[in-house]
PDB file of N, CA and C in Angstrom:
ATOM      1  N   MET A   1       1.858  -9.653  -2.317  1.00  0.00           N
ATOM      2  CA  MET A   1       3.090  -8.908  -2.383  1.00  0.00           C
ATOM      3  C   MET A   1       3.193  -8.254  -3.752  1.00  0.00           C
ATOM      4  N   LYS A   2       3.566  -7.017  -3.772  1.00  0.00           N
ATOM      5  CA  LYS A   2       3.665  -6.267  -5.017  1.00  0.00           C
ATOM      6  C   LYS A   2       5.129  -5.999  -5.327  1.00  0.00           C
ATOM      7  N   VAL A   3       5.514  -6.245  -6.557  1.00  0.00           N
ATOM      8  CA  VAL A   3       6.874  -5.987  -6.992  1.00  0.00           C
ATOM      9  C   VAL A   3       6.838  -4.793  -7.915  1.00  0.00           C
ATOM     10  N   ASP A   4       7.675  -3.802  -7.627  1.00  0.00           N
ATOM     11  CA  ASP A   4       7.695  -2.584  -8.419  1.00  0.00           C
ATOM     12  C   ASP A   4       9.084  -2.384  -8.992  1.00  0.00           C
ATOM     13  N   ASN A   5       9.194  -2.465 -10.298  1.00  0.00           N
ATOM     14  CA  ASN A   5      10.488  -2.311 -10.949  1.00  0.00           C
ATOM     15  C   ASN A   5      10.684  -0.920 -11.513  1.00  0.00           C
ATOM     16  N   ASN A   6       9.960   0.070 -11.015  1.00  0.00           N
ATOM     17  CA  ASN A   6      10.081   1.420 -11.530  1.00  0.00           C
ATOM     18  C   ASN A   6      11.333   2.120 -11.048  1.00  0.00           C
ATOM     19  N   VAL A   7      11.910   1.654  -9.955  1.00  0.00           N
ATOM     20  CA  VAL A   7      13.098   2.301  -9.419  1.00  0.00           C
ATOM     21  C   VAL A   7      14.303   1.732 -10.137  1.00  0.00           C
ATOM     22  N   ARG A   8      15.095   2.582 -10.725  1.00  0.00           N
ATOM     23  CA  ARG A   8      16.289   2.149 -11.429  1.00  0.00           C
ATOM     24  C   ARG A   8      17.498   2.713 -10.697  1.00  0.00           C
ATOM     25  N   SER A   9      18.562   1.988 -10.781  1.00  0.00           N
ATOM     26  CA  SER A   9      19.786   2.391 -10.100  1.00  0.00           C
ATOM     27  C   SER A   9      20.331   3.680 -10.683  1.00  0.00           C
ATOM     28  N   ILE A  10      20.692   4.601  -9.815  1.00  0.00           N
ATOM     29  CA  ILE A  10      21.292   5.855 -10.256  1.00  0.00           C
ATOM     30  C   ILE A  10      22.662   5.567 -10.854  1.00  0.00           C
ATOM     31  N   GLN A  11      23.330   4.550 -10.329  1.00  0.00           N
ATOM     32  CA  GLN A  11      24.652   4.212 -10.821  1.00  0.00           C
ATOM     33  C   GLN A  11      24.599   3.632 -12.228  1.00  0.00           C
ATOM     34  N   SER A  12      23.470   3.068 -12.643  1.00  0.00           N
ATOM     35  CA  SER A  12      23.395   2.469 -13.967  1.00  0.00           C
ATOM     36  C   SER A  12      23.285   3.514 -15.055  1.00  0.00           C
ATOM     37  N   GLY A  13      22.902   4.736 -14.696  1.00  0.00           N
ATOM     38  CA  GLY A  13      22.819   5.811 -15.683  1.00  0.00           C
ATOM     39  C   GLY A  13      24.207   6.347 -15.981  1.00  0.00           C
ATOM     40  N   SER A  14      24.299   7.218 -16.946  1.00  0.00           N
ATOM     41  CA  SER A  14      25.587   7.793 -17.240  1.00  0.00           C
ATOM     42  C   SER A  14      25.440   9.287 -17.454  1.00  0.00           C
ATOM     43  N   VAL A  15      26.525   9.981 -17.243  1.00  0.00           N
ATOM     44  CA  VAL A  15      26.551  11.422 -17.445  1.00  0.00           C
ATOM     45  C   VAL A  15      27.519  11.669 -18.583  1.00  0.00           C
ATOM     46  N   SER A  16      27.084  12.400 -19.569  1.00  0.00           N
ATOM     47  CA  SER A  16      27.986  12.704 -20.667  1.00  0.00           C
ATOM     48  C   SER A  16      28.028  14.197 -20.877  1.00  0.00           C
ATOM     49  N   GLU A  17      29.153  14.654 -21.346  1.00  0.00           N
ATOM     50  CA  GLU A  17      29.346  16.078 -21.596  1.00  0.00           C
ATOM     51  C   GLU A  17      28.693  16.422 -22.915  1.00  0.00           C
ATOM     52  N   THR A  18      27.905  17.479 -22.918  1.00  0.00           N
ATOM     53  CA  THR A  18      27.273  17.911 -24.157  1.00  0.00           C
ATOM     54  C   THR A  18      28.174  18.912 -24.846  1.00  0.00           C
ATOM     55  N   PRO A  19      28.120  18.949 -26.168  1.00  0.00           N
ATOM     56  CA  PRO A  19      28.971  19.907 -26.880  1.00  0.00           C
ATOM     57  C   PRO A  19      28.597  21.333 -26.506  1.00  0.00           C
ATOM     58  N   SER A  20      29.582  22.212 -26.483  1.00  0.00           N
ATOM     59  CA  SER A  20      29.299  23.595 -26.123  1.00  0.00           C
ATOM     60  C   SER A  20      28.548  24.270 -27.257  1.00  0.00           C
ATOM     61  N   ARG A  21      27.695  25.205 -26.889  1.00  0.00           N
ATOM     62  CA  ARG A  21      26.910  25.930 -27.879  1.00  0.00           C
ATOM     63  C   ARG A  21      27.769  26.970 -28.579  1.00  0.00           C
ATOM     64  N   ALA A  22      27.411  27.262 -29.802  1.00  0.00           N
ATOM     65  CA  ALA A  22      28.148  28.268 -30.566  1.00  0.00           C
ATOM     66  C   ALA A  22      27.997  29.617 -29.868  1.00  0.00           C
ATOM     67  N   GLY A  23      29.085  30.360 -29.797  1.00  0.00           N
ATOM     68  CA  GLY A  23      29.027  31.677 -29.193  1.00  0.00           C
ATOM     69  C   GLY A  23      29.346  31.670 -27.716  1.00  0.00           C
ATOM     70  N   LYS A  24      29.377  30.489 -27.064  1.00  0.00           N
ATOM     71  CA  LYS A  24      29.732  30.425 -25.643  1.00  0.00           C
ATOM     72  C   LYS A  24      31.242  30.351 -25.519  1.00  0.00           C
ATOM     73  N   SER A  25      31.735  30.923 -24.497  1.00  0.00           N
ATOM     74  CA  SER A  25      33.170  30.905 -24.262  1.00  0.00           C
ATOM     75  C   SER A  25      33.605  29.504 -23.883  1.00  0.00           C
ATOM     76  N   SER A  26      34.713  29.054 -24.417  1.00  0.00           N
ATOM     77  CA  SER A  26      35.213  27.729 -24.084  1.00  0.00           C
ATOM     78  C   SER A  26      35.935  27.713 -22.762  1.00  0.00           C
ATOM     79  N   SER A  27      36.044  28.852 -22.100  1.00  0.00           N
ATOM     80  CA  SER A  27      36.739  28.909 -20.817  1.00  0.00           C
ATOM     81  C   SER A  27      35.866  28.452 -19.666  1.00  0.00           C
ATOM     82  N   ALA A  28      34.597  28.073 -19.932  1.00  0.00           N
ATOM     83  CA  ALA A  28      33.699  27.644 -18.858  1.00  0.00           C
ATOM     84  C   ALA A  28      34.208  26.390 -18.185  1.00  0.00           C
ATOM     85  N   GLY A  29      34.886  25.519 -18.913  1.00  0.00           N
ATOM     86  CA  GLY A  29      35.381  24.276 -18.331  1.00  0.00           C
ATOM     87  C   GLY A  29      36.835  24.352 -17.945  1.00  0.00           C
ATOM     88  N   ALA A  30      37.456  25.518 -18.013  1.00  0.00           N
ATOM     89  CA  ALA A  30      38.870  25.667 -17.702  1.00  0.00           C
ATOM     90  C   ALA A  30      39.109  25.500 -16.213  1.00  0.00           C
ATOM     91  N   THR A  31      40.351  25.176 -15.882  1.00  0.00           N
ATOM     92  CA  THR A  31      40.686  24.991 -14.476  1.00  0.00           C
ATOM     93  C   THR A  31      40.826  26.329 -13.777  1.00  0.00           C
ATOM     94  N   THR A  32      40.324  26.365 -12.560  1.00  0.00           N
ATOM     95  CA  THR A  32      40.477  27.548 -11.724  1.00  0.00           C
ATOM     96  C   THR A  32      40.934  27.074 -10.369  1.00  0.00           C
ATOM     97  N   GLY A  33      42.059  27.563  -9.923  1.00  0.00           N
ATOM     98  CA  GLY A  33      42.567  27.142  -8.619  1.00  0.00           C
ATOM     99  C   GLY A  33      42.952  25.674  -8.660  1.00  0.00           C
ATOM    100  N   ASN A  34      42.392  24.885  -7.737  1.00  0.00           N
ATOM    101  CA  ASN A  34      42.712  23.469  -7.698  1.00  0.00           C
ATOM    102  C   ASN A  34      41.560  22.610  -8.249  1.00  0.00           C
ATOM    103  N   GLN A  35      40.649  23.204  -8.999  1.00  0.00           N
ATOM    104  CA  GLN A  35      39.576  22.446  -9.632  1.00  0.00           C
ATOM    105  C   GLN A  35      40.069  21.926 -10.972  1.00  0.00           C
ATOM    106  N   THR A  36      39.555  20.766 -11.393  1.00  0.00           N
ATOM    107  CA  THR A  36      39.941  20.216 -12.684  1.00  0.00           C
ATOM    108  C   THR A  36      38.887  20.559 -13.717  1.00  0.00           C
ATOM    109  N   ALA A  37      39.303  20.584 -14.959  1.00  0.00           N
ATOM    110  CA  ALA A  37      38.376  20.892 -16.049  1.00  0.00           C
ATOM    111  C   ALA A  37      37.478  19.694 -16.292  1.00  0.00           C
ATOM    112  N   GLY A  38      36.289  19.939 -16.795  1.00  0.00           N
ATOM    113  CA  GLY A  38      35.377  18.857 -17.126  1.00  0.00           C
ATOM    114  C   GLY A  38      33.975  19.178 -16.683  1.00  0.00           C
ATOM    115  N   PRO A  39      33.069  18.274 -16.969  1.00  0.00           N
ATOM    116  CA  PRO A  39      31.670  18.530 -16.611  1.00  0.00           C
ATOM    117  C   PRO A  39      31.478  18.518 -15.097  1.00  0.00           C
ATOM    118  N   ARG A  40      30.527  19.296 -14.648  1.00  0.00           N
ATOM    119  CA  ARG A  40      30.219  19.377 -13.224  1.00  0.00           C
ATOM    120  C   ARG A  40      28.772  18.970 -13.034  1.00  0.00           C
ATOM    121  N   VAL A  41      28.529  18.077 -12.092  1.00  0.00           N
ATOM    122  CA  VAL A  41      27.184  17.583 -11.835  1.00  0.00           C
ATOM    123  C   VAL A  41      26.808  17.897 -10.402  1.00  0.00           C
ATOM    124  N   GLU A  42      25.646  18.487 -10.230  1.00  0.00           N
ATOM    125  CA  GLU A  42      25.132  18.748  -8.895  1.00  0.00           C
ATOM    126  C   GLU A  42      23.768  18.086  -8.762  1.00  0.00           C
ATOM    127  N   LEU A  43      23.540  17.429  -7.647  1.00  0.00           N
ATOM    128  CA  LEU A  43      22.254  16.791  -7.400  1.00  0.00           C
ATOM    129  C   LEU A  43      21.330  17.761  -6.685  1.00  0.00           C
ATOM    130  N   SER A  44      20.088  17.768  -7.095  1.00  0.00           N
ATOM    131  CA  SER A  44      19.095  18.555  -6.378  1.00  0.00           C
ATOM    132  C   SER A  44      18.829  17.852  -5.046  1.00  0.00           C
ATOM    133  N   PRO A  45      18.152  18.504  -4.120  1.00  0.00           N
ATOM    134  CA  PRO A  45      17.818  17.825  -2.859  1.00  0.00           C
ATOM    135  C   PRO A  45      17.045  16.530  -3.100  1.00  0.00           C
ATOM    136  N   LEU A  46      16.171  16.515  -4.100  1.00  0.00           N
ATOM    137  CA  LEU A  46      15.418  15.298  -4.409  1.00  0.00           C
ATOM    138  C   LEU A  46      16.348  14.211  -4.930  1.00  0.00           C
ATOM    139  N   GLY A  47      17.296  14.583  -5.763  1.00  0.00           N
ATOM    140  CA  GLY A  47      18.269  13.615  -6.272  1.00  0.00           C
ATOM    141  C   GLY A  47      19.107  13.028  -5.151  1.00  0.00           C
ATOM    142  N   ALA A  48      19.514  13.873  -4.228  1.00  0.00           N
ATOM    143  CA  ALA A  48      20.289  13.400  -3.080  1.00  0.00           C
ATOM    144  C   ALA A  48      19.455  12.461  -2.214  1.00  0.00           C
ATOM    145  N   GLN A  49      18.176  12.787  -2.064  1.00  0.00           N
ATOM    146  CA  GLN A  49      17.285  11.933  -1.281  1.00  0.00           C
ATOM    147  C   GLN A  49      17.100  10.575  -1.969  1.00  0.00           C
ATOM    148  N   LEU A  50      16.928  10.591  -3.293  1.00  0.00           N
ATOM    149  CA  LEU A  50      16.799   9.334  -4.033  1.00  0.00           C
ATOM    150  C   LEU A  50      18.062   8.488  -3.910  1.00  0.00           C
ATOM    151  N   SER A  51      19.206   9.137  -3.943  1.00  0.00           N
ATOM    152  CA  SER A  51      20.466   8.421  -3.790  1.00  0.00           C
ATOM    153  C   SER A  51      20.549   7.772  -2.407  1.00  0.00           C
ATOM    154  N   SER A  52      20.098   8.492  -1.395  1.00  0.00           N
ATOM    155  CA  SER A  52      20.088   7.956  -0.032  1.00  0.00           C
ATOM    156  C   SER A  52      19.146   6.761   0.086  1.00  0.00           C
ATOM    157  N   ILE A  53      17.970   6.877  -0.524  1.00  0.00           N
ATOM    158  CA  ILE A  53      17.000   5.774  -0.499  1.00  0.00           C
ATOM    159  C   ILE A  53      17.567   4.557  -1.210  1.00  0.00           C
ATOM    160  N   GLU A  54      18.207   4.786  -2.359  1.00  0.00           N
ATOM    161  CA  GLU A  54      18.800   3.683  -3.103  1.00  0.00           C
ATOM    162  C   GLU A  54      19.848   2.959  -2.260  1.00  0.00           C
ATOM    163  N   ALA A  55      20.656   3.726  -1.554  1.00  0.00           N
ATOM    164  CA  ALA A  55      21.687   3.120  -0.722  1.00  0.00           C
ATOM    165  C   ALA A  55      21.082   2.266   0.382  1.00  0.00           C
ATOM    166  N   SER A  56      19.988   2.738   0.975  1.00  0.00           N
ATOM    167  CA  SER A  56      19.355   1.956   2.042  1.00  0.00           C
ATOM    168  C   SER A  56      18.650   0.728   1.488  1.00  0.00           C
ATOM    169  N   LEU A  57      18.134   0.806   0.267  1.00  0.00           N
ATOM    170  CA  LEU A  57      17.454  -0.343  -0.342  1.00  0.00           C
ATOM    171  C   LEU A  57      18.437  -1.391  -0.856  1.00  0.00           C
ATOM    172  N   ALA A  58      19.691  -1.005  -1.042  1.00  0.00           N
ATOM    173  CA  ALA A  58      20.688  -1.936  -1.558  1.00  0.00           C
ATOM    174  C   ALA A  58      20.870  -3.134  -0.619  1.00  0.00           C
ATOM    175  N   ASN A  59      20.591  -2.957   0.667  1.00  0.00           N
ATOM    176  CA  ASN A  59      20.776  -4.031   1.637  1.00  0.00           C
ATOM    177  C   ASN A  59      19.515  -4.851   1.873  1.00  0.00           C
ATOM    178  N   VAL A  60      18.406  -4.473   1.237  1.00  0.00           N
ATOM    179  CA  VAL A  60      17.151  -5.196   1.418  1.00  0.00           C
ATOM    180  C   VAL A  60      17.072  -6.309   0.382  1.00  0.00           C
ATOM    181  N   PRO A  61      16.860  -7.553   0.819  1.00  0.00           N
ATOM    182  CA  PRO A  61      16.775  -8.640  -0.155  1.00  0.00           C
ATOM    183  C   PRO A  61      15.538  -8.481  -1.047  1.00  0.00           C
ATOM    184  N   VAL A  62      15.702  -8.775  -2.323  1.00  0.00           N
ATOM    185  CA  VAL A  62      14.616  -8.656  -3.283  1.00  0.00           C
ATOM    186  C   VAL A  62      13.619  -9.795  -3.088  1.00  0.00           C
ATOM    187  N   VAL A  63      14.111 -10.940  -2.676  1.00  0.00           N
ATOM    188  CA  VAL A  63      13.282 -12.132  -2.523  1.00  0.00           C
ATOM    189  C   VAL A  63      13.373 -12.629  -1.084  1.00  0.00           C
ATOM    190  N   ASP A  64      12.237 -13.003  -0.526  1.00  0.00           N
ATOM    191  CA  ASP A  64      12.200 -13.602   0.805  1.00  0.00           C
ATOM    192  C   ASP A  64      12.485 -15.095   0.642  1.00  0.00           C
ATOM    193  N   SER A  65      13.745 -15.469   0.787  1.00  0.00           N
ATOM    194  CA  SER A  65      14.174 -16.846   0.540  1.00  0.00           C
ATOM    195  C   SER A  65      13.438 -17.856   1.418  1.00  0.00           C
ATOM    196  N   GLN A  66      13.177 -17.495   2.659  1.00  0.00           N
ATOM    197  CA  GLN A  66      12.474 -18.406   3.555  1.00  0.00           C
ATOM    198  C   GLN A  66      11.054 -18.670   3.054  1.00  0.00           C
ATOM    199  N   ARG A  67      10.376 -17.612   2.597  1.00  0.00           N
ATOM    200  CA  ARG A  67       9.010 -17.764   2.075  1.00  0.00           C
ATOM    201  C   ARG A  67       9.001 -18.613   0.807  1.00  0.00           C
ATOM    202  N   VAL A  68      10.006 -18.429  -0.050  1.00  0.00           N
ATOM    203  CA  VAL A  68      10.109 -19.236  -1.270  1.00  0.00           C
ATOM    204  C   VAL A  68      10.261 -20.707  -0.918  1.00  0.00           C
ATOM    205  N   GLU A  69      11.089 -20.996   0.059  1.00  0.00           N
ATOM    206  CA  GLU A  69      11.284 -22.393   0.482  1.00  0.00           C
ATOM    207  C   GLU A  69       9.991 -22.981   1.058  1.00  0.00           C
ATOM    208  N   GLU A  70       9.248 -22.162   1.829  1.00  0.00           N
ATOM    209  CA  GLU A  70       7.968 -22.637   2.374  1.00  0.00           C
ATOM    210  C   GLU A  70       6.992 -22.983   1.252  1.00  0.00           C
ATOM    211  N   ILE A  71       6.943 -22.142   0.227  1.00  0.00           N
ATOM    212  CA  ILE A  71       6.031 -22.394  -0.896  1.00  0.00           C
ATOM    213  C   ILE A  71       6.479 -23.623  -1.677  1.00  0.00           C
ATOM    214  N   LYS A  72       7.778 -23.766  -1.901  1.00  0.00           N
ATOM    215  CA  LYS A  72       8.294 -24.959  -2.592  1.00  0.00           C
ATOM    216  C   LYS A  72       7.903 -26.229  -1.844  1.00  0.00           C
ATOM    217  N   GLN A  73       8.066 -26.188  -0.524  1.00  0.00           N
ATOM    218  CA  GLN A  73       7.729 -27.350   0.297  1.00  0.00           C
ATOM    219  C   GLN A  73       6.236 -27.646   0.211  1.00  0.00           C
ATOM    220  N   ALA A  74       5.402 -26.618   0.263  1.00  0.00           N
ATOM    221  CA  ALA A  74       3.950 -26.807   0.175  1.00  0.00           C
ATOM    222  C   ALA A  74       3.563 -27.403  -1.183  1.00  0.00           C
ATOM    223  N   ILE A  75       4.210 -26.955  -2.254  1.00  0.00           N
ATOM    224  CA  ILE A  75       3.926 -27.511  -3.584  1.00  0.00           C
ATOM    225  C   ILE A  75       4.325 -28.972  -3.625  1.00  0.00           C
ATOM    226  N   THR A  76       5.509 -29.281  -3.099  1.00  0.00           N
ATOM    227  CA  THR A  76       6.008 -30.656  -3.086  1.00  0.00           C
ATOM    228  C   THR A  76       5.061 -31.579  -2.319  1.00  0.00           C
ATOM    229  N   GLU A  77       4.532 -31.077  -1.208  1.00  0.00           N
ATOM    230  CA  GLU A  77       3.648 -31.888  -0.366  1.00  0.00           C
ATOM    231  C   GLU A  77       2.193 -31.832  -0.817  1.00  0.00           C
ATOM    232  N   GLY A  78       1.896 -31.041  -1.841  1.00  0.00           N
ATOM    233  CA  GLY A  78       0.522 -30.953  -2.341  1.00  0.00           C
ATOM    234  C   GLY A  78      -0.387 -30.086  -1.474  1.00  0.00           C
ATOM    235  N   ARG A  79       0.175 -29.252  -0.633  1.00  0.00           N
ATOM    236  CA  ARG A  79      -0.620 -28.385   0.244  1.00  0.00           C
ATOM    237  C   ARG A  79      -0.865 -26.999  -0.343  1.00  0.00           C
ATOM    238  N   PHE A  80      -0.174 -26.649  -1.412  1.00  0.00           N
ATOM    239  CA  PHE A  80      -0.289 -25.310  -1.985  1.00  0.00           C
ATOM    240  C   PHE A  80      -1.579 -25.199  -2.791  1.00  0.00           C
ATOM    241  N   LYS A  81      -2.397 -24.252  -2.443  1.00  0.00           N
ATOM    242  CA  LYS A  81      -3.672 -24.033  -3.124  1.00  0.00           C
ATOM    243  C   LYS A  81      -3.646 -22.667  -3.800  1.00  0.00           C
ATOM    244  N   VAL A  82      -4.073 -22.625  -5.052  1.00  0.00           N
ATOM    245  CA  VAL A  82      -4.163 -21.377  -5.794  1.00  0.00           C
ATOM    246  C   VAL A  82      -5.562 -20.816  -5.604  1.00  0.00           C
ATOM    247  N   ASN A  83      -5.650 -19.539  -5.250  1.00  0.00           N
ATOM    248  CA  ASN A  83      -6.925 -18.876  -5.075  1.00  0.00           C
ATOM    249  C   ASN A  83      -7.111 -17.903  -6.244  1.00  0.00           C
ATOM    250  N   PRO A  84      -7.808 -18.338  -7.317  1.00  0.00           N
ATOM    251  CA  PRO A  84      -7.935 -17.490  -8.502  1.00  0.00           C
ATOM    252  C   PRO A  84      -8.660 -16.170  -8.231  1.00  0.00           C
ATOM    253  N   GLU A  85      -9.609 -16.152  -7.300  1.00  0.00           N
ATOM    254  CA  GLU A  85     -10.318 -14.909  -6.981  1.00  0.00           C
ATOM    255  C   GLU A  85      -9.362 -13.872  -6.381  1.00  0.00           C
ATOM    256  N   GLN A  86      -8.509 -14.329  -5.488  1.00  0.00           N
ATOM    257  CA  GLN A  86      -7.550 -13.424  -4.859  1.00  0.00           C
ATOM    258  C   GLN A  86      -6.540 -12.906  -5.888  1.00  0.00           C
ATOM    259  N   ILE A  87      -6.106 -13.774  -6.773  1.00  0.00           N
ATOM    260  CA  ILE A  87      -5.170 -13.363  -7.818  1.00  0.00           C
ATOM    261  C   ILE A  87      -5.819 -12.314  -8.720  1.00  0.00           C
ATOM    262  N   ALA A  88      -7.060 -12.557  -9.125  1.00  0.00           N
ATOM    263  CA  ALA A  88      -7.777 -11.611  -9.986  1.00  0.00           C
ATOM    264  C   ALA A  88      -7.977 -10.272  -9.279  1.00  0.00           C
ATOM    265  N   ASP A  89      -8.358 -10.301  -8.017  1.00  0.00           N
ATOM    266  CA  ASP A  89      -8.567  -9.062  -7.264  1.00  0.00           C
ATOM    267  C   ASP A  89      -7.282  -8.238  -7.175  1.00  0.00           C
ATOM    268  N   ARG A  90      -6.182  -8.883  -6.873  1.00  0.00           N
ATOM    269  CA  ARG A  90      -4.911  -8.162  -6.740  1.00  0.00           C
ATOM    270  C   ARG A  90      -4.411  -7.661  -8.092  1.00  0.00           C
ATOM    271  N   LEU A  91      -4.663  -8.423  -9.140  1.00  0.00           N
ATOM    272  CA  LEU A  91      -4.277  -7.975 -10.471  1.00  0.00           C
ATOM    273  C   LEU A  91      -5.061  -6.733 -10.871  1.00  0.00           C
ATOM    274  N   LEU A  92      -6.362  -6.741 -10.614  1.00  0.00           N
ATOM    275  CA  LEU A  92      -7.192  -5.568 -10.911  1.00  0.00           C
ATOM    276  C   LEU A  92      -6.764  -4.362 -10.073  1.00  0.00           C
ATOM    277  N   GLU A  93      -6.435  -4.593  -8.822  1.00  0.00           N
ATOM    278  CA  GLU A  93      -5.978  -3.509  -7.945  1.00  0.00           C
ATOM    279  C   GLU A  93      -4.696  -2.874  -8.488  1.00  0.00           C
ATOM    280  N   THR A  94      -3.783  -3.708  -8.947  1.00  0.00           N
ATOM    281  CA  THR A  94      -2.534  -3.206  -9.506  1.00  0.00           C
ATOM    282  C   THR A  94      -2.789  -2.387 -10.763  1.00  0.00           C
ATOM    283  N   VAL A  95      -3.679  -2.866 -11.624  1.00  0.00           N
ATOM    284  CA  VAL A  95      -4.005  -2.135 -12.856  1.00  0.00           C
ATOM    285  C   VAL A  95      -4.635  -0.784 -12.517  1.00  0.00           C
ATOM    286  N   ARG A  96      -5.535  -0.766 -11.546  1.00  0.00           N
ATOM    287  CA  ARG A  96      -6.151   0.505 -11.131  1.00  0.00           C
ATOM    288  C   ARG A  96      -5.095   1.495 -10.637  1.00  0.00           C
ATOM    289  N   GLU A  97      -4.155   1.009  -9.840  1.00  0.00           N
ATOM    290  CA  GLU A  97      -3.099   1.874  -9.324  1.00  0.00           C
ATOM    291  C   GLU A  97      -2.229   2.416 -10.453  1.00  0.00           C
ATOM    292  N   LEU A  98      -1.917   1.570 -11.428  1.00  0.00           N
ATOM    293  CA  LEU A  98      -1.105   2.021 -12.560  1.00  0.00           C
ATOM    294  C   LEU A  98      -1.838   3.073 -13.382  1.00  0.00           C
ATOM    295  N   ILE A  99      -3.122   2.874 -13.609  1.00  0.00           N
ATOM    296  CA  ILE A  99      -3.917   3.843 -14.363  1.00  0.00           C
ATOM    297  C   ILE A  99      -3.996   5.158 -13.603  1.00  0.00           C
ATOM    298  N   GLN A 100      -4.242   5.084 -12.316  1.00  0.00           N
ATOM    299  CA  GLN A 100      -4.345   6.289 -11.498  1.00  0.00           C
ATOM    300  C   GLN A 100      -3.013   7.040 -11.478  1.00  0.00           C
ATOM    301  N   ALA A 101      -1.909   6.321 -11.413  1.00  0.00           N
ATOM    302  CA  ALA A 101      -0.593   6.956 -11.371  1.00  0.00           C
ATOM    303  C   ALA A 101      -0.267   7.660 -12.680  1.00  0.00           C
ATOM    304  N   GLN A 102      -0.829   7.203 -13.785  1.00  0.00           N
ATOM    305  CA  GLN A 102      -0.551   7.810 -15.090  1.00  0.00           C
ATOM    306  C   GLN A 102      -1.420   9.016 -15.376  1.00  0.00           C
ATOM    307  N   GLN A 103      -2.479   9.238 -14.600  1.00  0.00           N
ATOM    308  CA  GLN A 103      -3.355  10.375 -14.823  1.00  0.00           C
ATOM    309  C   GLN A 103      -2.639  11.647 -14.389  1.00  0.00           C
ATOM    310  N   PRO A 104      -2.863  12.762 -15.117  1.00  0.00           N
ATOM    311  CA  PRO A 104      -2.213  14.028 -14.743  1.00  0.00           C
ATOM    312  C   PRO A 104      -2.582  14.429 -13.314  1.00  0.00           C
ATOM    313  N   GLY A 105      -1.595  14.935 -12.615  1.00  0.00           N
ATOM    314  CA  GLY A 105      -1.817  15.379 -11.236  1.00  0.00           C
ATOM    315  C   GLY A 105      -1.665  14.292 -10.207  1.00  0.00           C
ATOM    316  N   ASN A 106      -1.352  13.062 -10.633  1.00  0.00           N
ATOM    317  CA  ASN A 106      -1.180  11.946  -9.700  1.00  0.00           C
ATOM    318  C   ASN A 106       0.233  11.414  -9.732  1.00  0.00           C
ATOM    319  N   ALA A 107       1.200  12.285  -9.882  1.00  0.00           N
ATOM    320  CA  ALA A 107       2.595  11.851  -9.920  1.00  0.00           C
ATOM    321  C   ALA A 107       3.003  11.285  -8.572  1.00  0.00           C
ATOM    322  N   ARG A 108       3.830  10.255  -8.620  1.00  0.00           N
ATOM    323  CA  ARG A 108       4.309   9.633  -7.391  1.00  0.00           C
ATOM    324  C   ARG A 108       5.651  10.149  -7.020  1.00  0.00           C
TER     325      ARG A 108
END
């Protein structure tokens, strides 16, 4: 099982208003009609898709509690066996994937 902590919550980020540039009219943030003054944020289609994915992942448990209990029981009973070859193979596979993902042209 691979755990990937690269996905961060969109809600944990923050949006802040940047100071206006010299020479720009300050009326850009003024109220028009029934709109309120202040910063305006629009999500690109990709941002909206990421938000949708995040919402669907919010209901997925991070840990398989039943599997954890099975492993605890196996350890308690002395049935749990560590396979160092399998651990090494999966660790190397993960490192290869990370290296490949960092190479130009391999964006995920």
